[in-house]
Amino acid sequence: MTSHRRLRSRDLFPTDEPVTAASLVGRSADVDELTNALANGLNRIMVGPRRTGKTSVALAAVAELRARACYVVSIDLFRLSGTAELAEALARGLPANCAPAHRAGAAARRGRRITLGGVVRNQVSGHDANGNR
């Protein structure tokens, strides 16, 4: 009888961060299925052992949805402490779905200007959205 040594997931998947969509191997069907479900307004829950590519598949699906011009916001819920932070993260993420010209036009209509760094400042008072100068 031969004994097999159990491999740890970190030995099988030696990266510390999610891999890019281009680096995924053998997961295109998973990405396509998740992308199509989300594009059609369906919710999906991904469950699996640590370090098996769940986040990498999810991020690849989000990138594909962005490429299809769908509105997406990626939020790491483990970094948020409550509903107020969730609402703020959503509010910060939604404008990224608009074209730069649209964002600039919307800011101009609100009496603001956008700098190259993306910081919005009120032209009248010189304060940003957080009240800082």
Protein backbone atom coordinates (compact mmCIF):
# COMPACT_ATOMS: atom_id res chain seq x y z
CA MET A 1 0.00 0.00 0.00
CA THR A 2 1.39 3.38 -0.97
CA SER A 3 0.75 6.44 1.10
CA HIS A 4 0.11 9.79 -0.48
CA ARG A 5 1.22 13.00 1.10
CA ARG A 6 -1.58 15.55 1.31
CA LEU A 7 -0.61 18.78 -0.44
CA ARG A 8 -1.47 22.12 1.09
CA SER A 9 -3.42 24.56 -1.07
CA ARG A 10 -0.61 27.11 -0.84
CA ASP A 11 1.71 24.50 -2.43
CA LEU A 12 -0.74 23.97 -5.29
CA PHE A 13 -1.51 27.69 -5.71
CA PRO A 14 1.65 29.61 -4.77
CA THR A 15 0.39 33.13 -5.50
CA ASP A 16 -0.49 35.59 -2.75
CA GLU A 17 -2.87 37.61 -4.94
CA PRO A 18 -5.59 36.72 -7.43
CA VAL A 19 -4.19 36.01 -10.88
CA THR A 20 -5.13 38.05 -13.92
CA ALA A 21 -7.76 36.84 -16.36
CA ALA A 22 -5.01 36.20 -18.93
CA SER A 23 -3.21 33.92 -16.45
CA LEU A 24 -6.21 31.72 -15.64
CA VAL A 25 -5.81 28.18 -16.95
CA GLY A 26 -8.80 25.96 -17.59
CA ARG A 27 -11.31 28.36 -16.04
CA SER A 28 -12.77 30.06 -19.13
CA ALA A 29 -16.04 28.09 -18.84
CA ASP A 30 -16.37 29.23 -15.21
CA VAL A 31 -15.69 32.85 -16.17
CA ASP A 32 -18.16 32.69 -19.08
CA GLU A 33 -20.88 31.11 -16.94
CA LEU A 34 -20.48 33.68 -14.16
CA THR A 35 -20.28 36.58 -16.62
CA ASN A 36 -23.44 35.52 -18.44
CA ALA A 37 -25.37 34.93 -15.22
CA LEU A 38 -24.44 38.35 -13.84
CA ALA A 39 -25.12 40.08 -17.15
CA ASN A 40 -28.61 38.59 -17.05
CA GLY A 41 -29.26 39.90 -13.53
CA LEU A 42 -28.80 36.57 -11.75
CA ASN A 43 -27.04 36.27 -8.41
CA ARG A 44 -24.34 33.67 -7.90
CA ILE A 45 -22.54 32.43 -4.80
CA MET A 46 -19.10 30.92 -5.28
CA VAL A 47 -18.01 28.43 -2.66
CA GLY A 48 -14.81 26.43 -2.50
CA PRO A 49 -11.65 25.83 -0.51
CA ARG A 50 -9.20 28.64 0.01
CA ARG A 51 -6.83 29.49 -2.81
CA THR A 52 -8.69 27.64 -5.56
CA GLY A 53 -9.30 30.66 -7.79
CA LYS A 54 -12.70 31.98 -6.70
CA THR A 55 -11.54 35.60 -6.57
CA SER A 56 -9.57 35.27 -9.79
CA VAL A 57 -12.66 33.94 -11.61
CA ALA A 58 -14.84 36.68 -10.11
CA LEU A 59 -12.40 39.43 -11.12
CA ALA A 60 -12.14 38.00 -14.64
CA ALA A 61 -15.95 38.02 -14.89
CA VAL A 62 -16.05 41.65 -13.70
CA ALA A 63 -13.44 42.60 -16.32
CA GLU A 64 -15.52 40.89 -19.01
CA LEU A 65 -18.67 42.69 -17.84
CA ARG A 66 -16.81 46.02 -18.01
CA ALA A 67 -15.70 45.14 -21.54
CA ARG A 68 -19.38 44.57 -22.39
CA ALA A 69 -20.14 48.08 -21.06
CA CYS A 70 -22.11 46.74 -18.07
CA TYR A 71 -22.15 48.82 -14.90
CA VAL A 72 -20.03 47.06 -12.27
CA VAL A 73 -18.58 47.90 -8.88
CA SER A 74 -16.09 45.61 -7.12
CA ILE A 75 -16.09 45.87 -3.35
CA ASP A 76 -14.17 43.79 -0.82
CA LEU A 77 -16.79 43.38 1.91
CA PHE A 78 -14.20 42.13 4.40
CA ARG A 79 -12.65 45.61 4.42
CA LEU A 80 -15.93 47.36 5.33
CA SER A 81 -17.25 47.80 8.85
CA GLY A 82 -20.89 48.63 8.16
CA THR A 83 -23.63 49.72 5.83
CA ALA A 84 -22.44 53.33 5.75
CA GLU A 85 -19.05 52.23 4.40
CA LEU A 86 -20.81 49.96 1.88
CA ALA A 87 -22.94 52.88 0.66
CA GLU A 88 -19.84 55.06 0.38
CA ALA A 89 -17.92 52.37 -1.54
CA LEU A 90 -20.85 51.99 -3.95
CA ALA A 91 -21.08 55.74 -4.43
CA ARG A 92 -17.33 55.93 -5.13
CA GLY A 93 -17.40 52.98 -7.53
CA LEU A 94 -20.39 53.89 -9.67
CA PRO A 95 -18.89 56.93 -11.46
CA ALA A 96 -16.13 54.70 -12.83
CA ASN A 97 -18.77 53.21 -15.13
CA CYS A 98 -19.27 56.50 -16.95
CA ALA A 99 -17.08 57.74 -19.78
CA PRO A 100 -14.59 60.46 -18.72
CA ALA A 101 -16.38 63.07 -20.85
CA HIS A 102 -19.69 62.21 -19.19
CA ARG A 103 -18.12 62.50 -15.71
CA ALA A 104 -16.60 65.88 -16.62
CA GLY A 105 -19.91 67.12 -18.01
CA ALA A 106 -21.80 66.00 -14.90
CA ALA A 107 -19.23 67.70 -12.66
CA ALA A 108 -19.46 70.90 -14.71
CA ARG A 109 -23.25 70.89 -14.37
CA ARG A 110 -22.76 70.69 -10.59
CA GLY A 111 -20.35 73.69 -10.69
CA ARG A 112 -17.22 71.57 -10.17
CA ARG A 113 -14.12 70.73 -12.12
CA ILE A 114 -12.13 67.51 -12.32
CA THR A 115 -8.35 67.55 -12.11
CA LEU A 116 -6.24 65.01 -13.97
CA GLY A 117 -5.89 63.02 -10.74
CA GLY A 118 -9.64 62.61 -10.56
CA VAL A 119 -10.07 64.80 -7.46
CA VAL A 120 -13.26 66.81 -7.65
CA ARG A 121 -13.04 70.34 -6.22
CA ASN A 122 -15.72 72.96 -5.81
CA GLN A 123 -14.72 75.97 -7.92
CA VAL A 124 -16.35 78.47 -5.59
CA SER A 125 -14.93 77.41 -2.24
CA GLY A 126 -11.87 75.38 -3.28
CA HIS A 127 -12.98 72.46 -1.08
CA ASP A 128 -13.13 68.86 -2.26
CA ALA A 129 -16.11 66.55 -1.68
CA ASN A 130 -14.85 65.85 1.86
CA GLY A 131 -14.57 69.53 2.79
CA ASN A 132 -10.74 69.60 2.48
CA ARG A 133 -8.87 72.44 0.77
